[in-house]
PDB file of N, CA and C in Angstrom:
ATOM      1  N   MET A   1     -68.699 -82.161 202.336  1.00  0.00           N
ATOM      2  CA  MET A   1     -69.987 -81.893 202.962  1.00  0.00           C
ATOM      3  C   MET A   1     -70.053 -82.573 204.320  1.00  0.00           C
ATOM      4  N   ASP A   2     -70.529 -81.871 205.291  1.00  0.00           N
ATOM      5  CA  ASP A   2     -70.670 -82.378 206.649  1.00  0.00           C
ATOM      6  C   ASP A   2     -71.921 -83.246 206.742  1.00  0.00           C
ATOM      7  N   SER A   3     -71.813 -84.429 207.314  1.00  0.00           N
ATOM      8  CA  SER A   3     -72.967 -85.335 207.411  1.00  0.00           C
ATOM      9  C   SER A   3     -73.762 -85.139 208.700  1.00  0.00           C
ATOM     10  N   SER A   4     -73.490 -84.071 209.418  1.00  0.00           N
ATOM     11  CA  SER A   4     -74.222 -83.829 210.664  1.00  0.00           C
ATOM     12  C   SER A   4     -75.668 -83.468 210.374  1.00  0.00           C
ATOM     13  N   LYS A   5     -76.488 -83.501 211.401  1.00  0.00           N
ATOM     14  CA  LYS A   5     -77.909 -83.190 211.261  1.00  0.00           C
ATOM     15  C   LYS A   5     -78.148 -81.729 210.901  1.00  0.00           C
ATOM     16  N   ASN A   6     -77.181 -80.867 211.157  1.00  0.00           N
ATOM     17  CA  ASN A   6     -77.335 -79.443 210.898  1.00  0.00           C
ATOM     18  C   ASN A   6     -76.898 -79.039 209.494  1.00  0.00           C
ATOM     19  N   ALA A   7     -76.541 -79.988 208.655  1.00  0.00           N
ATOM     20  CA  ALA A   7     -76.089 -79.668 207.302  1.00  0.00           C
ATOM     21  C   ALA A   7     -77.235 -79.059 206.501  1.00  0.00           C
ATOM     22  N   VAL A   8     -76.926 -78.006 205.767  1.00  0.00           N
ATOM     23  CA  VAL A   8     -77.926 -77.356 204.933  1.00  0.00           C
ATOM     24  C   VAL A   8     -77.907 -78.042 203.568  1.00  0.00           C
ATOM     25  N   LEU A   9     -79.014 -78.630 203.203  1.00  0.00           N
ATOM     26  CA  LEU A   9     -79.081 -79.371 201.950  1.00  0.00           C
ATOM     27  C   LEU A   9     -79.762 -78.597 200.837  1.00  0.00           C
ATOM     28  N   GLY A  10     -80.464 -77.570 201.175  1.00  0.00           N
ATOM     29  CA  GLY A  10     -81.179 -76.808 200.169  1.00  0.00           C
ATOM     30  C   GLY A  10     -82.560 -76.432 200.662  1.00  0.00           C
ATOM     31  N   ARG A  11     -83.372 -76.006 199.712  1.00  0.00           N
ATOM     32  CA  ARG A  11     -84.702 -75.504 200.056  1.00  0.00           C
ATOM     33  C   ARG A  11     -85.767 -76.442 199.496  1.00  0.00           C
ATOM     34  N   VAL A  12     -86.805 -76.657 200.255  1.00  0.00           N
ATOM     35  CA  VAL A  12     -87.920 -77.483 199.810  1.00  0.00           C
ATOM     36  C   VAL A  12     -89.141 -76.589 199.662  1.00  0.00           C
ATOM     37  N   GLN A  13     -89.752 -76.627 198.477  1.00  0.00           N
ATOM     38  CA  GLN A  13     -90.966 -75.864 198.240  1.00  0.00           C
ATOM     39  C   GLN A  13     -92.099 -76.837 197.943  1.00  0.00           C
ATOM     40  N   LEU A  14     -93.267 -76.515 198.434  1.00  0.00           N
ATOM     41  CA  LEU A  14     -94.436 -77.363 198.278  1.00  0.00           C
ATOM     42  C   LEU A  14     -95.475 -76.622 197.447  1.00  0.00           C
ATOM     43  N   ALA A  15     -95.863 -77.197 196.322  1.00  0.00           N
ATOM     44  CA  ALA A  15     -96.864 -76.567 195.458  1.00  0.00           C
ATOM     45  C   ALA A  15     -98.227 -76.629 196.133  1.00  0.00           C
ATOM     46  N   PRO A  16     -99.054 -75.598 195.967  1.00  0.00           N
ATOM     47  CA  PRO A  16    -100.389 -75.609 196.569  1.00  0.00           C
ATOM     48  C   PRO A  16    -101.230 -76.805 196.118  1.00  0.00           C
ATOM     49  N   GLU A  17    -101.022 -77.262 194.881  1.00  0.00           N
ATOM     50  CA  GLU A  17    -101.771 -78.406 194.375  1.00  0.00           C
ATOM     51  C   GLU A  17    -101.484 -79.666 195.173  1.00  0.00           C
ATOM     52  N   VAL A  18    -100.262 -79.790 195.677  1.00  0.00           N
ATOM     53  CA  VAL A  18     -99.898 -80.957 196.480  1.00  0.00           C
ATOM     54  C   VAL A  18    -100.700 -80.956 197.777  1.00  0.00           C
ATOM     55  N   LEU A  19    -100.780 -79.798 198.423  1.00  0.00           N
ATOM     56  CA  LEU A  19    -101.587 -79.684 199.645  1.00  0.00           C
ATOM     57  C   LEU A  19    -103.040 -80.028 199.362  1.00  0.00           C
ATOM     58  N   GLU A  20    -103.574 -79.537 198.244  1.00  0.00           N
ATOM     59  CA  GLU A  20    -104.972 -79.780 197.909  1.00  0.00           C
ATOM     60  C   GLU A  20    -105.243 -81.268 197.700  1.00  0.00           C
ATOM     61  N   VAL A  21    -104.310 -81.971 197.080  1.00  0.00           N
ATOM     62  CA  VAL A  21    -104.475 -83.413 196.872  1.00  0.00           C
ATOM     63  C   VAL A  21    -104.451 -84.141 198.214  1.00  0.00           C
ATOM     64  N   ILE A  22    -103.522 -83.795 199.086  1.00  0.00           N
ATOM     65  CA  ILE A  22    -103.436 -84.419 200.411  1.00  0.00           C
ATOM     66  C   ILE A  22    -104.740 -84.205 201.176  1.00  0.00           C
ATOM     67  N   ILE A  23    -105.243 -82.985 201.152  1.00  0.00           N
ATOM     68  CA  ILE A  23    -106.479 -82.646 201.871  1.00  0.00           C
ATOM     69  C   ILE A  23    -107.674 -83.356 201.253  1.00  0.00           C
ATOM     70  N   GLY A  24    -107.740 -83.390 199.921  1.00  0.00           N
ATOM     71  CA  GLY A  24    -108.849 -84.056 199.243  1.00  0.00           C
ATOM     72  C   GLY A  24    -108.910 -85.537 199.539  1.00  0.00           C
ATOM     73  N   ILE A  25    -107.776 -86.208 199.531  1.00  0.00           N
ATOM     74  CA  ILE A  25    -107.743 -87.642 199.831  1.00  0.00           C
ATOM     75  C   ILE A  25    -108.133 -87.884 201.280  1.00  0.00           C
ATOM     76  N   ALA A  26    -107.610 -87.079 202.197  1.00  0.00           N
ATOM     77  CA  ALA A  26    -107.954 -87.229 203.619  1.00  0.00           C
ATOM     78  C   ALA A  26    -109.449 -87.027 203.844  1.00  0.00           C
ATOM     79  N   THR A  27    -110.039 -86.071 203.147  1.00  0.00           N
ATOM     80  CA  THR A  27    -111.476 -85.802 203.281  1.00  0.00           C
ATOM     81  C   THR A  27    -112.304 -86.967 202.770  1.00  0.00           C
ATOM     82  N   ASN A  28    -111.952 -87.495 201.602  1.00  0.00           N
ATOM     83  CA  ASN A  28    -112.726 -88.574 201.001  1.00  0.00           C
ATOM     84  C   ASN A  28    -112.602 -89.895 201.753  1.00  0.00           C
ATOM     85  N   GLU A  29    -111.613 -90.014 202.625  1.00  0.00           N
ATOM     86  CA  GLU A  29    -111.462 -91.225 203.431  1.00  0.00           C
ATOM     87  C   GLU A  29    -112.356 -91.231 204.668  1.00  0.00           C
ATOM     88  N   VAL A  30    -112.974 -90.103 204.990  1.00  0.00           N
ATOM     89  CA  VAL A  30    -113.843 -90.017 206.160  1.00  0.00           C
ATOM     90  C   VAL A  30    -115.174 -90.685 205.851  1.00  0.00           C
ATOM     91  N   GLU A  31    -115.610 -91.560 206.743  1.00  0.00           N
ATOM     92  CA  GLU A  31    -116.892 -92.244 206.563  1.00  0.00           C
ATOM     93  C   GLU A  31    -118.027 -91.227 206.646  1.00  0.00           C
ATOM     94  N   GLY A  32    -118.926 -91.279 205.674  1.00  0.00           N
ATOM     95  CA  GLY A  32    -120.044 -90.358 205.624  1.00  0.00           C
ATOM     96  C   GLY A  32    -119.878 -89.269 204.586  1.00  0.00           C
ATOM     97  N   VAL A  33    -118.670 -89.110 204.044  1.00  0.00           N
ATOM     98  CA  VAL A  33    -118.451 -88.133 202.979  1.00  0.00           C
ATOM     99  C   VAL A  33    -118.807 -88.796 201.653  1.00  0.00           C
ATOM    100  N   ALA A  34    -119.794 -88.223 200.955  1.00  0.00           N
ATOM    101  CA  ALA A  34    -120.212 -88.777 199.673  1.00  0.00           C
ATOM    102  C   ALA A  34    -119.310 -88.288 198.550  1.00  0.00           C
ATOM    103  N   ALA A  35    -118.945 -87.020 198.581  1.00  0.00           N
ATOM    104  CA  ALA A  35    -118.113 -86.429 197.531  1.00  0.00           C
ATOM    105  C   ALA A  35    -117.625 -85.070 197.987  1.00  0.00           C
ATOM    106  N   THR A  36    -116.592 -84.603 197.308  1.00  0.00           N
ATOM    107  CA  THR A  36    -116.169 -83.220 197.509  1.00  0.00           C
ATOM    108  C   THR A  36    -116.723 -82.412 196.347  1.00  0.00           C
ATOM    109  N   LYS A  37    -116.958 -81.160 196.592  1.00  0.00           N
ATOM    110  CA  LYS A  37    -117.631 -80.301 195.612  1.00  0.00           C
ATOM    111  C   LYS A  37    -116.605 -79.568 194.770  1.00  0.00           C
ATOM    112  N   GLY A  38    -116.599 -79.833 193.481  1.00  0.00           N
ATOM    113  CA  GLY A  38    -115.695 -79.148 192.569  1.00  0.00           C
ATOM    114  C   GLY A  38    -116.414 -78.040 191.833  1.00  0.00           C
ATOM    115  N   ASN A  39    -115.722 -77.442 190.884  1.00  0.00           N
ATOM    116  CA  ASN A  39    -116.347 -76.414 190.058  1.00  0.00           C
ATOM    117  C   ASN A  39    -116.738 -77.013 188.705  1.00  0.00           C
ATOM    118  N   PHE A  40    -117.243 -76.203 187.816  1.00  0.00           N
ATOM    119  CA  PHE A  40    -117.718 -76.679 186.520  1.00  0.00           C
ATOM    120  C   PHE A  40    -116.601 -77.343 185.722  1.00  0.00           C
ATOM    121  N   ALA A  41    -115.419 -76.738 185.730  1.00  0.00           N
ATOM    122  CA  ALA A  41    -114.299 -77.263 184.947  1.00  0.00           C
ATOM    123  C   ALA A  41    -113.878 -78.653 185.419  1.00  0.00           C
ATOM    124  N   THR A  42    -113.813 -78.868 186.742  1.00  0.00           N
ATOM    125  CA  THR A  42    -113.438 -80.196 187.229  1.00  0.00           C
ATOM    126  C   THR A  42    -114.520 -81.212 186.916  1.00  0.00           C
ATOM    127  N   GLY A  43    -115.787 -80.774 186.932  1.00  0.00           N
ATOM    128  CA  GLY A  43    -116.890 -81.675 186.598  1.00  0.00           C
ATOM    129  C   GLY A  43    -116.819 -82.142 185.158  1.00  0.00           C
ATOM    130  N   VAL A  44    -116.512 -81.235 184.242  1.00  0.00           N
ATOM    131  CA  VAL A  44    -116.390 -81.589 182.829  1.00  0.00           C
ATOM    132  C   VAL A  44    -115.196 -82.516 182.617  1.00  0.00           C
ATOM    133  N   ALA A  45    -114.074 -82.203 183.239  1.00  0.00           N
ATOM    134  CA  ALA A  45    -112.871 -83.031 183.089  1.00  0.00           C
ATOM    135  C   ALA A  45    -113.095 -84.437 183.632  1.00  0.00           C
ATOM    136  N   GLU A  46    -113.855 -84.564 184.730  1.00  0.00           N
ATOM    137  CA  GLU A  46    -114.121 -85.887 185.300  1.00  0.00           C
ATOM    138  C   GLU A  46    -115.016 -86.721 184.391  1.00  0.00           C
ATOM    139  N   LYS A  47    -115.863 -86.073 183.607  1.00  0.00           N
ATOM    140  CA  LYS A  47    -116.695 -86.798 182.630  1.00  0.00           C
ATOM    141  C   LYS A  47    -115.813 -87.506 181.606  1.00  0.00           C
ATOM    142  N   PHE A  48    -114.629 -86.949 181.345  1.00  0.00           N
ATOM    143  CA  PHE A  48    -113.704 -87.540 180.390  1.00  0.00           C
ATOM    144  C   PHE A  48    -112.682 -88.456 181.059  1.00  0.00           C
ATOM    145  N   GLY A  49    -112.882 -88.763 182.328  1.00  0.00           N
ATOM    146  CA  GLY A  49    -112.045 -89.745 183.006  1.00  0.00           C
ATOM    147  C   GLY A  49    -110.911 -89.202 183.845  1.00  0.00           C
ATOM    148  N   LYS A  50    -110.703 -87.919 183.888  1.00  0.00           N
ATOM    149  CA  LYS A  50    -109.624 -87.355 184.713  1.00  0.00           C
ATOM    150  C   LYS A  50    -110.117 -87.207 186.154  1.00  0.00           C
ATOM    151  N   VAL A  51    -109.317 -87.668 187.097  1.00  0.00           N
ATOM    152  CA  VAL A  51    -109.690 -87.605 188.508  1.00  0.00           C
ATOM    153  C   VAL A  51    -108.967 -86.431 189.166  1.00  0.00           C
ATOM    154  N   PHE A  52    -109.725 -85.602 189.877  1.00  0.00           N
ATOM    155  CA  PHE A  52    -109.163 -84.488 190.627  1.00  0.00           C
ATOM    156  C   PHE A  52    -109.297 -84.788 192.115  1.00  0.00           C
ATOM    157  N   HIS A  53    -108.183 -85.108 192.768  1.00  0.00           N
ATOM    158  CA  HIS A  53    -108.227 -85.401 194.203  1.00  0.00           C
ATOM    159  C   HIS A  53    -108.324 -84.140 195.037  1.00  0.00           C
ATOM    160  N   GLY A  54    -107.958 -83.001 194.469  1.00  0.00           N
ATOM    161  CA  GLY A  54    -107.959 -81.757 195.233  1.00  0.00           C
ATOM    162  C   GLY A  54    -109.207 -80.916 195.048  1.00  0.00           C
ATOM    163  N   LYS A  55    -110.227 -81.455 194.381  1.00  0.00           N
ATOM    164  CA  LYS A  55    -111.426 -80.634 194.154  1.00  0.00           C
ATOM    165  C   LYS A  55    -112.168 -80.418 195.459  1.00  0.00           C
ATOM    166  N   GLY A  56    -112.807 -79.275 195.566  1.00  0.00           N
ATOM    167  CA  GLY A  56    -113.539 -78.942 196.778  1.00  0.00           C
ATOM    168  C   GLY A  56    -112.654 -78.486 197.915  1.00  0.00           C
ATOM    169  N   VAL A  57    -111.404 -78.161 197.597  1.00  0.00           N
ATOM    170  CA  VAL A  57    -110.441 -77.750 198.621  1.00  0.00           C
ATOM    171  C   VAL A  57    -109.872 -76.393 198.243  1.00  0.00           C
ATOM    172  N   LYS A  58    -109.819 -75.503 199.215  1.00  0.00           N
ATOM    173  CA  LYS A  58    -109.205 -74.185 199.021  1.00  0.00           C
ATOM    174  C   LYS A  58    -108.209 -73.966 200.152  1.00  0.00           C
ATOM    175  N   THR A  59    -107.009 -73.564 199.812  1.00  0.00           N
ATOM    176  CA  THR A  59    -105.997 -73.264 200.827  1.00  0.00           C
ATOM    177  C   THR A  59    -105.616 -71.802 200.729  1.00  0.00           C
ATOM    178  N   ASP A  60    -105.286 -71.222 201.864  1.00  0.00           N
ATOM    179  CA  ASP A  60    -104.912 -69.814 201.900  1.00  0.00           C
ATOM    180  C   ASP A  60    -103.886 -69.613 203.014  1.00  0.00           C
ATOM    181  N   TRP A  61    -102.790 -68.962 202.672  1.00  0.00           N
ATOM    182  CA  TRP A  61    -101.777 -68.626 203.664  1.00  0.00           C
ATOM    183  C   TRP A  61    -102.061 -67.242 204.213  1.00  0.00           C
ATOM    184  N   VAL A  62    -102.240 -67.153 205.523  1.00  0.00           N
ATOM    185  CA  VAL A  62    -102.408 -65.871 206.207  1.00  0.00           C
ATOM    186  C   VAL A  62    -101.236 -65.708 207.164  1.00  0.00           C
ATOM    187  N   ASP A  63    -101.151 -64.540 207.801  1.00  0.00           N
ATOM    188  CA  ASP A  63    -100.029 -64.277 208.710  1.00  0.00           C
ATOM    189  C   ASP A  63     -99.925 -65.315 209.820  1.00  0.00           C
ATOM    190  N   GLU A  64    -101.070 -65.789 210.295  1.00  0.00           N
ATOM    191  CA  GLU A  64    -101.078 -66.724 211.420  1.00  0.00           C
ATOM    192  C   GLU A  64    -100.858 -68.178 211.002  1.00  0.00           C
ATOM    193  N   GLY A  65    -100.926 -68.487 209.710  1.00  0.00           N
ATOM    194  CA  GLY A  65    -100.704 -69.860 209.268  1.00  0.00           C
ATOM    195  C   GLY A  65    -101.603 -70.256 208.108  1.00  0.00           C
ATOM    196  N   LEU A  66    -101.760 -71.545 207.933  1.00  0.00           N
ATOM    197  CA  LEU A  66    -102.511 -72.113 206.817  1.00  0.00           C
ATOM    198  C   LEU A  66    -103.989 -72.241 207.166  1.00  0.00           C
ATOM    199  N   VAL A  67    -104.842 -71.697 206.300  1.00  0.00           N
ATOM    200  CA  VAL A  67    -106.290 -71.810 206.460  1.00  0.00           C
ATOM    201  C   VAL A  67    -106.803 -72.704 205.327  1.00  0.00           C
ATOM    202  N   ILE A  68    -107.580 -73.719 205.694  1.00  0.00           N
ATOM    203  CA  ILE A  68    -108.095 -74.691 204.729  1.00  0.00           C
ATOM    204  C   ILE A  68    -109.611 -74.644 204.739  1.00  0.00           C
ATOM    205  N   ASP A  69    -110.203 -74.613 203.545  1.00  0.00           N
ATOM    206  CA  ASP A  69    -111.649 -74.715 203.395  1.00  0.00           C
ATOM    207  C   ASP A  69    -111.945 -75.959 202.574  1.00  0.00           C
ATOM    208  N   VAL A  70    -112.849 -76.804 203.095  1.00  0.00           N
ATOM    209  CA  VAL A  70    -113.238 -78.045 202.421  1.00  0.00           C
ATOM    210  C   VAL A  70    -114.732 -77.974 202.138  1.00  0.00           C
ATOM    211  N   TYR A  71    -115.113 -78.213 200.884  1.00  0.00           N
ATOM    212  CA  TYR A  71    -116.515 -78.200 200.466  1.00  0.00           C
ATOM    213  C   TYR A  71    -116.898 -79.628 200.097  1.00  0.00           C
ATOM    214  N   CYS A  72    -117.893 -80.191 200.797  1.00  0.00           N
ATOM    215  CA  CYS A  72    -118.232 -81.585 200.546  1.00  0.00           C
ATOM    216  C   CYS A  72    -119.716 -81.874 200.726  1.00  0.00           C
ATOM    217  N   VAL A  73    -120.112 -83.055 200.271  1.00  0.00           N
ATOM    218  CA  VAL A  73    -121.474 -83.551 200.366  1.00  0.00           C
ATOM    219  C   VAL A  73    -121.445 -84.739 201.326  1.00  0.00           C
ATOM    220  N   VAL A  74    -122.419 -84.790 202.246  1.00  0.00           N
ATOM    221  CA  VAL A  74    -122.481 -85.851 203.251  1.00  0.00           C
ATOM    222  C   VAL A  74    -123.567 -86.856 202.860  1.00  0.00           C
ATOM    223  N   GLN A  75    -123.310 -88.123 203.129  1.00  0.00           N
ATOM    224  CA  GLN A  75    -124.304 -89.164 202.864  1.00  0.00           C
ATOM    225  C   GLN A  75    -125.440 -89.052 203.874  1.00  0.00           C
ATOM    226  N   TYR A  76    -126.658 -89.296 203.391  1.00  0.00           N
ATOM    227  CA  TYR A  76    -127.838 -89.260 204.258  1.00  0.00           C
ATOM    228  C   TYR A  76    -127.693 -90.307 205.358  1.00  0.00           C
ATOM    229  N   GLY A  77    -128.066 -89.933 206.565  1.00  0.00           N
ATOM    230  CA  GLY A  77    -128.030 -90.850 207.697  1.00  0.00           C
ATOM    231  C   GLY A  77    -126.840 -90.652 208.610  1.00  0.00           C
ATOM    232  N   PHE A  78    -125.856 -89.895 208.187  1.00  0.00           N
ATOM    233  CA  PHE A  78    -124.687 -89.633 209.017  1.00  0.00           C
ATOM    234  C   PHE A  78    -124.866 -88.299 209.739  1.00  0.00           C
ATOM    235  N   SER A  79    -124.310 -88.214 210.921  1.00  0.00           N
ATOM    236  CA  SER A  79    -124.362 -86.982 211.703  1.00  0.00           C
ATOM    237  C   SER A  79    -123.426 -85.948 211.070  1.00  0.00           C
ATOM    238  N   ILE A  80    -123.992 -84.832 210.656  1.00  0.00           N
ATOM    239  CA  ILE A  80    -123.190 -83.791 210.012  1.00  0.00           C
ATOM    240  C   ILE A  80    -122.108 -83.241 210.947  1.00  0.00           C
ATOM    241  N   PRO A  81    -122.424 -82.923 212.208  1.00  0.00           N
ATOM    242  CA  PRO A  81    -121.349 -82.444 213.097  1.00  0.00           C
ATOM    243  C   PRO A  81    -120.236 -83.475 213.303  1.00  0.00           C
ATOM    244  N   ALA A  82    -120.614 -84.752 213.409  1.00  0.00           N
ATOM    245  CA  ALA A  82    -119.606 -85.798 213.607  1.00  0.00           C
ATOM    246  C   ALA A  82    -118.720 -85.942 212.373  1.00  0.00           C
ATOM    247  N   VAL A  83    -119.318 -85.919 211.187  1.00  0.00           N
ATOM    248  CA  VAL A  83    -118.543 -86.030 209.944  1.00  0.00           C
ATOM    249  C   VAL A  83    -117.630 -84.814 209.794  1.00  0.00           C
ATOM    250  N   ALA A  84    -118.147 -83.620 210.050  1.00  0.00           N
ATOM    251  CA  ALA A  84    -117.341 -82.393 209.926  1.00  0.00           C
ATOM    252  C   ALA A  84    -116.157 -82.408 210.898  1.00  0.00           C
ATOM    253  N   THR A  85    -116.391 -82.837 212.116  1.00  0.00           N
ATOM    254  CA  THR A  85    -115.310 -82.914 213.109  1.00  0.00           C
ATOM    255  C   THR A  85    -114.254 -83.925 212.683  1.00  0.00           C
ATOM    256  N   GLU A  86    -114.690 -85.057 212.149  1.00  0.00           N
ATOM    257  CA  GLU A  86    -113.746 -86.078 211.697  1.00  0.00           C
ATOM    258  C   GLU A  86    -112.938 -85.580 210.498  1.00  0.00           C
ATOM    259  N   ILE A  87    -113.565 -84.829 209.602  1.00  0.00           N
ATOM    260  CA  ILE A  87    -112.840 -84.243 208.470  1.00  0.00           C
ATOM    261  C   ILE A  87    -111.747 -83.313 208.993  1.00  0.00           C
ATOM    262  N   GLN A  88    -112.089 -82.471 209.967  1.00  0.00           N
ATOM    263  CA  GLN A  88    -111.097 -81.552 210.532  1.00  0.00           C
ATOM    264  C   GLN A  88    -109.920 -82.322 211.126  1.00  0.00           C
ATOM    265  N   LYS A  89    -110.211 -83.377 211.874  1.00  0.00           N
ATOM    266  CA  LYS A  89    -109.143 -84.175 212.489  1.00  0.00           C
ATOM    267  C   LYS A  89    -108.268 -84.843 211.436  1.00  0.00           C
ATOM    268  N   GLN A  90    -108.911 -85.477 210.437  1.00  0.00           N
ATOM    269  CA  GLN A  90    -108.159 -86.201 209.410  1.00  0.00           C
ATOM    270  C   GLN A  90    -107.293 -85.261 208.573  1.00  0.00           C
ATOM    271  N   VAL A  91    -107.848 -84.107 208.233  1.00  0.00           N
ATOM    272  CA  VAL A  91    -107.095 -83.153 207.417  1.00  0.00           C
ATOM    273  C   VAL A  91    -105.894 -82.617 208.190  1.00  0.00           C
ATOM    274  N   ARG A  92    -106.109 -82.217 209.431  1.00  0.00           N
ATOM    275  CA  ARG A  92    -104.988 -81.725 210.257  1.00  0.00           C
ATOM    276  C   ARG A  92    -103.894 -82.789 210.375  1.00  0.00           C
ATOM    277  N   HIS A  93    -104.318 -84.017 210.636  1.00  0.00           N
ATOM    278  CA  HIS A  93    -103.375 -85.131 210.801  1.00  0.00           C
ATOM    279  C   HIS A  93    -102.594 -85.382 209.505  1.00  0.00           C
ATOM    280  N   ALA A  94    -103.299 -85.466 208.386  1.00  0.00           N
ATOM    281  CA  ALA A  94    -102.646 -85.767 207.107  1.00  0.00           C
ATOM    282  C   ALA A  94    -101.676 -84.660 206.702  1.00  0.00           C
ATOM    283  N   VAL A  95    -102.100 -83.416 206.827  1.00  0.00           N
ATOM    284  CA  VAL A  95    -101.239 -82.297 206.441  1.00  0.00           C
ATOM    285  C   VAL A  95     -99.993 -82.259 207.322  1.00  0.00           C
ATOM    286  N   TYR A  96    -100.161 -82.441 208.618  1.00  0.00           N
ATOM    287  CA  TYR A  96     -99.005 -82.391 209.515  1.00  0.00           C
ATOM    288  C   TYR A  96     -98.029 -83.540 209.255  1.00  0.00           C
ATOM    289  N   HIS A  97     -98.559 -84.757 209.118  1.00  0.00           N
ATOM    290  CA  HIS A  97     -97.665 -85.910 208.981  1.00  0.00           C
ATOM    291  C   HIS A  97     -97.020 -86.021 207.603  1.00  0.00           C
ATOM    292  N   MET A  98     -97.624 -85.401 206.587  1.00  0.00           N
ATOM    293  CA  MET A  98     -97.016 -85.475 205.263  1.00  0.00           C
ATOM    294  C   MET A  98     -96.161 -84.257 204.931  1.00  0.00           C
ATOM    295  N   THR A  99     -96.402 -83.126 205.604  1.00  0.00           N
ATOM    296  CA  THR A  99     -95.667 -81.907 205.260  1.00  0.00           C
ATOM    297  C   THR A  99     -95.027 -81.208 206.452  1.00  0.00           C
ATOM    298  N   SER A 100     -95.364 -81.608 207.662  1.00  0.00           N
ATOM    299  CA  SER A 100     -94.910 -80.965 208.909  1.00  0.00           C
ATOM    300  C   SER A 100     -95.444 -79.537 209.050  1.00  0.00           C
ATOM    301  N   LEU A 101     -96.519 -79.220 208.340  1.00  0.00           N
ATOM    302  CA  LEU A 101     -97.135 -77.901 208.447  1.00  0.00           C
ATOM    303  C   LEU A 101     -98.277 -77.940 209.451  1.00  0.00           C
ATOM    304  N   GLU A 102     -98.317 -76.924 210.299  1.00  0.00           N
ATOM    305  CA  GLU A 102     -99.427 -76.775 211.241  1.00  0.00           C
ATOM    306  C   GLU A 102    -100.528 -75.978 210.557  1.00  0.00           C
ATOM    307  N   THR A 103    -101.775 -76.356 210.792  1.00  0.00           N
ATOM    308  CA  THR A 103    -102.888 -75.615 210.210  1.00  0.00           C
ATOM    309  C   THR A 103    -103.504 -74.700 211.252  1.00  0.00           C
ATOM    310  N   LYS A 104    -103.839 -73.490 210.823  1.00  0.00           N
ATOM    311  CA  LYS A 104    -104.506 -72.545 211.720  1.00  0.00           C
ATOM    312  C   LYS A 104    -105.979 -72.889 211.815  1.00  0.00           C
ATOM    313  N   GLU A 105    -106.624 -73.119 210.657  1.00  0.00           N
ATOM    314  CA  GLU A 105    -108.051 -73.431 210.622  1.00  0.00           C
ATOM    315  C   GLU A 105    -108.325 -74.488 209.562  1.00  0.00           C
ATOM    316  N   VAL A 106    -109.295 -75.360 209.856  1.00  0.00           N
ATOM    317  CA  VAL A 106    -109.850 -76.265 208.856  1.00  0.00           C
ATOM    318  C   VAL A 106    -111.355 -76.031 208.899  1.00  0.00           C
ATOM    319  N   ASN A 107    -111.852 -75.295 207.903  1.00  0.00           N
ATOM    320  CA  ASN A 107    -113.272 -74.966 207.827  1.00  0.00           C
ATOM    321  C   ASN A 107    -113.966 -75.956 206.904  1.00  0.00           C
ATOM    322  N   VAL A 108    -115.035 -76.583 207.388  1.00  0.00           N
ATOM    323  CA  VAL A 108    -115.770 -77.570 206.606  1.00  0.00           C
ATOM    324  C   VAL A 108    -117.103 -76.962 206.197  1.00  0.00           C
ATOM    325  N   HIS A 109    -117.366 -76.967 204.889  1.00  0.00           N
ATOM    326  CA  HIS A 109    -118.602 -76.431 204.337  1.00  0.00           C
ATOM    327  C   HIS A 109    -119.393 -77.596 203.754  1.00  0.00           C
ATOM    328  N   ILE A 110    -120.528 -77.926 204.347  1.00  0.00           N
ATOM    329  CA  ILE A 110    -121.379 -78.989 203.831  1.00  0.00           C
ATOM    330  C   ILE A 110    -122.270 -78.357 202.765  1.00  0.00           C
ATOM    331  N   THR A 111    -122.115 -78.793 201.520  1.00  0.00           N
ATOM    332  CA  THR A 111    -122.847 -78.191 200.408  1.00  0.00           C
ATOM    333  C   THR A 111    -124.073 -78.999 200.001  1.00  0.00           C
ATOM    334  N   GLY A 112    -124.269 -80.169 200.608  1.00  0.00           N
ATOM    335  CA  GLY A 112    -125.442 -80.964 200.258  1.00  0.00           C
ATOM    336  C   GLY A 112    -125.459 -82.302 200.983  1.00  0.00           C
ATOM    337  N   ILE A 113    -126.557 -83.010 200.782  1.00  0.00           N
ATOM    338  CA  ILE A 113    -126.726 -84.345 201.340  1.00  0.00           C
ATOM    339  C   ILE A 113    -127.060 -85.282 200.187  1.00  0.00           C
ATOM    340  N   GLU A 114    -126.371 -86.408 200.130  1.00  0.00           N
ATOM    341  CA  GLU A 114    -126.634 -87.388 199.075  1.00  0.00           C
ATOM    342  C   GLU A 114    -127.540 -88.480 199.621  1.00  0.00           C
ATOM    343  N   PHE A 115    -128.668 -88.658 198.955  1.00  0.00           N
ATOM    344  CA  PHE A 115    -129.615 -89.705 199.328  1.00  0.00           C
ATOM    345  C   PHE A 115    -129.342 -90.938 198.502  1.00  0.00           C
ATOM    346  N   ASP A 116    -129.707 -92.114 199.029  1.00  0.00           N
ATOM    347  CA  ASP A 116    -129.597 -93.343 198.254  1.00  0.00           C
ATOM    348  C   ASP A 116    -130.545 -93.279 197.080  1.00  0.00           C
ATOM    349  N   SER A 117    -130.120 -93.793 195.944  1.00  0.00           N
ATOM    350  CA  SER A 117    -131.014 -93.783 194.774  1.00  0.00           C
ATOM    351  C   SER A 117    -132.063 -94.873 194.923  1.00  0.00           C
ATOM    352  N   LEU A 118    -133.183 -94.728 194.251  1.00  0.00           N
ATOM    353  CA  LEU A 118    -134.281 -95.690 194.321  1.00  0.00           C
ATOM    354  C   LEU A 118    -133.887 -97.050 193.768  1.00  0.00           C
ATOM    355  N   SER A 119    -132.985 -97.085 192.802  1.00  0.00           N
ATOM    356  CA  SER A 119    -132.584 -98.359 192.201  1.00  0.00           C
ATOM    357  C   SER A 119    -131.799 -99.234 193.168  1.00  0.00           C
ATOM    358  N   ASP A 120    -131.173 -98.632 194.166  1.00  0.00           N
ATOM    359  CA  ASP A 120    -130.434 -99.417 195.154  1.00  0.00           C
ATOM    360  C   ASP A 120    -131.363-100.145 196.109  1.00  0.00           C
ATOM    361  N   THR A 121    -132.561 -99.628 196.336  1.00  0.00           N
ATOM    362  CA  THR A 121    -133.459-100.219 197.314  1.00  0.00           C
ATOM    363  C   THR A 121    -134.435-101.214 196.698  1.00  0.00           C
ATOM    364  N   GLU A 122    -134.501-101.270 195.382  1.00  0.00           N
ATOM    365  CA  GLU A 122    -135.443-102.182 194.731  1.00  0.00           C
ATOM    366  C   GLU A 122    -134.835-103.524 194.482  1.00  0.00           C
TER     367      GLU A 122
END
C-alpha cells in the first residue's frame, strides 16, 4: 500500500442521525435556546430517561446541498433574531468542522418562548 496522501483507503458514510446529533448539540449550546422541539415519541422516551440530542432537527439532501431545519424554544428576554442568527452560525461551523460538509441552508423555526417559572422568583 502506498503511504502517499492520494492513497484510496475506502469509503466513509455518515448516518443522518449523526448529523442530527451534531446539529442538536450545536443548537443547545447557543445562549438563549431553552430547548429543541421534539415529537411525541421523543417526549415519551425522555420521560424514561433517554436523551435525544438530535430532536428538533430535520436534515434533507437536495441537488444544491444539505438543508437543515432546526425547531427550538427561546428563553424569554433574548433577542429572537440574534439567537436565530447565532444558531445558524454555530450549526454551520459544527457541521463543517466535524464532517467537512457545506450546508446550503440552515432554517431556524422558533416554536415558542420559555418564561421563568414563578417558583424561581419567589
